[in-house]
N, C-alpha and C. Protein backbone atom coordinates (compact mmCIF):
# COMPACT_ATOMS: atom_id res chain seq x y z
N MET A 1 28.00 28.93 -33.76
CA MET A 1 27.52 29.65 -34.92
C MET A 1 26.01 29.87 -34.78
N ALA A 2 25.58 30.97 -35.30
CA ALA A 2 24.16 31.29 -35.34
C ALA A 2 23.79 31.61 -36.78
N LYS A 3 22.55 31.42 -37.11
CA LYS A 3 22.06 31.76 -38.44
C LYS A 3 21.24 33.04 -38.35
N ILE A 4 21.45 33.92 -39.31
CA ILE A 4 20.67 35.14 -39.40
C ILE A 4 20.14 35.27 -40.82
N VAL A 5 19.08 36.04 -40.98
CA VAL A 5 18.54 36.33 -42.31
C VAL A 5 18.79 37.80 -42.58
N ARG A 6 19.48 38.08 -43.68
CA ARG A 6 19.80 39.45 -44.08
C ARG A 6 19.38 39.67 -45.52
N PHE A 7 19.23 40.93 -45.86
CA PHE A 7 19.08 41.29 -47.27
C PHE A 7 20.03 42.42 -47.56
N HIS A 8 20.66 42.36 -48.74
CA HIS A 8 21.66 43.35 -49.13
C HIS A 8 21.18 44.18 -50.32
N SER A 9 19.97 43.92 -50.79
CA SER A 9 19.39 44.70 -51.88
C SER A 9 17.88 44.66 -51.72
N ILE A 10 17.21 45.57 -52.40
CA ILE A 10 15.76 45.65 -52.35
C ILE A 10 15.18 44.62 -53.30
N GLY A 11 14.07 44.01 -52.90
CA GLY A 11 13.41 43.03 -53.76
C GLY A 11 12.43 42.20 -52.98
N GLY A 12 12.06 41.08 -53.54
CA GLY A 12 11.12 40.16 -52.90
C GLY A 12 11.84 39.18 -52.01
N PRO A 13 11.16 38.10 -51.67
CA PRO A 13 11.76 37.10 -50.79
C PRO A 13 13.07 36.52 -51.32
N GLU A 14 13.29 36.60 -52.61
CA GLU A 14 14.52 36.05 -53.20
C GLU A 14 15.78 36.79 -52.76
N VAL A 15 15.65 38.01 -52.23
CA VAL A 15 16.84 38.75 -51.80
C VAL A 15 17.24 38.40 -50.36
N LEU A 16 16.38 37.67 -49.64
CA LEU A 16 16.73 37.26 -48.27
C LEU A 16 17.79 36.19 -48.33
N GLN A 17 18.83 36.34 -47.51
CA GLN A 17 19.93 35.39 -47.48
C GLN A 17 20.14 34.90 -46.05
N VAL A 18 20.25 33.58 -45.89
CA VAL A 18 20.57 33.00 -44.59
C VAL A 18 22.08 32.97 -44.47
N GLU A 19 22.61 33.58 -43.41
CA GLU A 19 24.05 33.66 -43.21
C GLU A 19 24.42 33.14 -41.82
N ASP A 20 25.60 32.57 -41.70
CA ASP A 20 26.13 32.12 -40.41
C ASP A 20 26.99 33.22 -39.82
N ILE A 21 26.84 33.46 -38.52
CA ILE A 21 27.69 34.41 -37.80
C ILE A 21 28.19 33.76 -36.52
N THR A 22 29.31 34.23 -36.03
CA THR A 22 29.86 33.76 -34.77
C THR A 22 29.42 34.72 -33.67
N LEU A 23 28.85 34.17 -32.63
CA LEU A 23 28.42 34.98 -31.50
C LEU A 23 29.45 34.90 -30.39
N GLY A 24 29.68 36.02 -29.74
CA GLY A 24 30.54 36.02 -28.57
C GLY A 24 29.77 35.55 -27.34
N GLU A 25 30.46 35.32 -26.27
CA GLU A 25 29.82 34.95 -25.02
C GLU A 25 29.09 36.17 -24.44
N PRO A 26 27.94 35.96 -23.80
CA PRO A 26 27.24 37.08 -23.18
C PRO A 26 28.09 37.72 -22.09
N GLY A 27 28.00 39.03 -21.99
CA GLY A 27 28.71 39.75 -20.95
C GLY A 27 27.92 39.77 -19.66
N GLU A 28 28.44 40.48 -18.68
CA GLU A 28 27.77 40.58 -17.39
C GLU A 28 26.43 41.29 -17.57
N GLY A 29 25.38 40.72 -17.01
CA GLY A 29 24.05 41.31 -17.12
C GLY A 29 23.36 40.97 -18.44
N GLU A 30 23.97 40.13 -19.27
CA GLU A 30 23.39 39.73 -20.56
C GLU A 30 23.08 38.23 -20.53
N LEU A 31 22.26 37.80 -21.48
CA LEU A 31 22.00 36.38 -21.61
C LEU A 31 21.87 36.04 -23.08
N LEU A 32 22.00 34.78 -23.38
CA LEU A 32 21.92 34.29 -24.75
C LEU A 32 20.63 33.51 -24.90
N LEU A 33 19.80 33.86 -25.87
CA LEU A 33 18.52 33.20 -26.11
C LEU A 33 18.60 32.36 -27.37
N ARG A 34 17.94 31.23 -27.36
CA ARG A 34 17.82 30.39 -28.55
C ARG A 34 16.44 30.69 -29.16
N VAL A 35 16.42 31.26 -30.35
CA VAL A 35 15.18 31.60 -31.03
C VAL A 35 14.88 30.49 -32.03
N GLN A 36 13.68 29.95 -31.94
CA GLN A 36 13.30 28.85 -32.82
C GLN A 36 12.39 29.30 -33.96
N ALA A 37 11.79 30.46 -33.84
CA ALA A 37 10.91 30.95 -34.90
C ALA A 37 10.83 32.47 -34.82
N VAL A 38 10.66 33.11 -35.94
CA VAL A 38 10.48 34.56 -35.99
C VAL A 38 9.37 34.88 -36.97
N GLY A 39 8.85 36.06 -36.87
CA GLY A 39 7.84 36.52 -37.81
C GLY A 39 8.34 37.76 -38.53
N LEU A 40 7.85 37.98 -39.71
CA LEU A 40 8.20 39.16 -40.49
C LEU A 40 6.94 40.01 -40.58
N ASN A 41 7.00 41.22 -40.01
CA ASN A 41 5.81 42.05 -40.03
C ASN A 41 5.74 42.91 -41.30
N ARG A 42 4.65 43.58 -41.47
CA ARG A 42 4.40 44.35 -42.69
C ARG A 42 5.46 45.44 -42.92
N ALA A 43 5.85 46.14 -41.86
CA ALA A 43 6.85 47.21 -42.01
C ALA A 43 8.17 46.64 -42.50
N GLU A 44 8.60 45.49 -41.97
CA GLU A 44 9.85 44.87 -42.41
C GLU A 44 9.75 44.41 -43.86
N SER A 45 8.63 43.85 -44.22
CA SER A 45 8.42 43.43 -45.60
C SER A 45 8.47 44.63 -46.54
N ASN A 46 7.79 45.72 -46.17
CA ASN A 46 7.82 46.94 -46.99
C ASN A 46 9.23 47.48 -47.10
N TYR A 47 10.03 47.40 -46.02
CA TYR A 47 11.39 47.93 -46.03
C TYR A 47 12.25 47.21 -47.06
N PHE A 48 12.26 45.87 -47.06
CA PHE A 48 13.14 45.20 -48.00
C PHE A 48 12.58 45.19 -49.41
N HIS A 49 11.31 45.58 -49.58
CA HIS A 49 10.75 45.78 -50.92
C HIS A 49 10.98 47.22 -51.41
N GLY A 50 11.56 48.07 -50.56
CA GLY A 50 11.82 49.47 -50.93
C GLY A 50 10.59 50.33 -50.88
N GLN A 51 9.57 49.93 -50.10
CA GLN A 51 8.30 50.66 -50.05
C GLN A 51 7.99 51.22 -48.67
N TYR A 52 8.98 51.20 -47.78
CA TYR A 52 8.74 51.67 -46.41
C TYR A 52 8.65 53.18 -46.37
N ARG A 53 7.65 53.70 -45.69
CA ARG A 53 7.48 55.15 -45.55
C ARG A 53 7.51 55.52 -44.08
N GLU A 54 8.26 56.53 -43.77
CA GLU A 54 8.33 56.98 -42.36
C GLU A 54 7.27 58.00 -42.09
């Protein structure tokens, strides 16, 4: 199982949800990475707040 952070509606940090997903085995030419930390940049923050402009 892996954990992912998703949002299903626009809003602040309260709309972020940690969800478990099942990952398949990597295929030929692929690899599986273990991520221990991520960052949220300004564009991503604006997107889930409904303020992203293209």
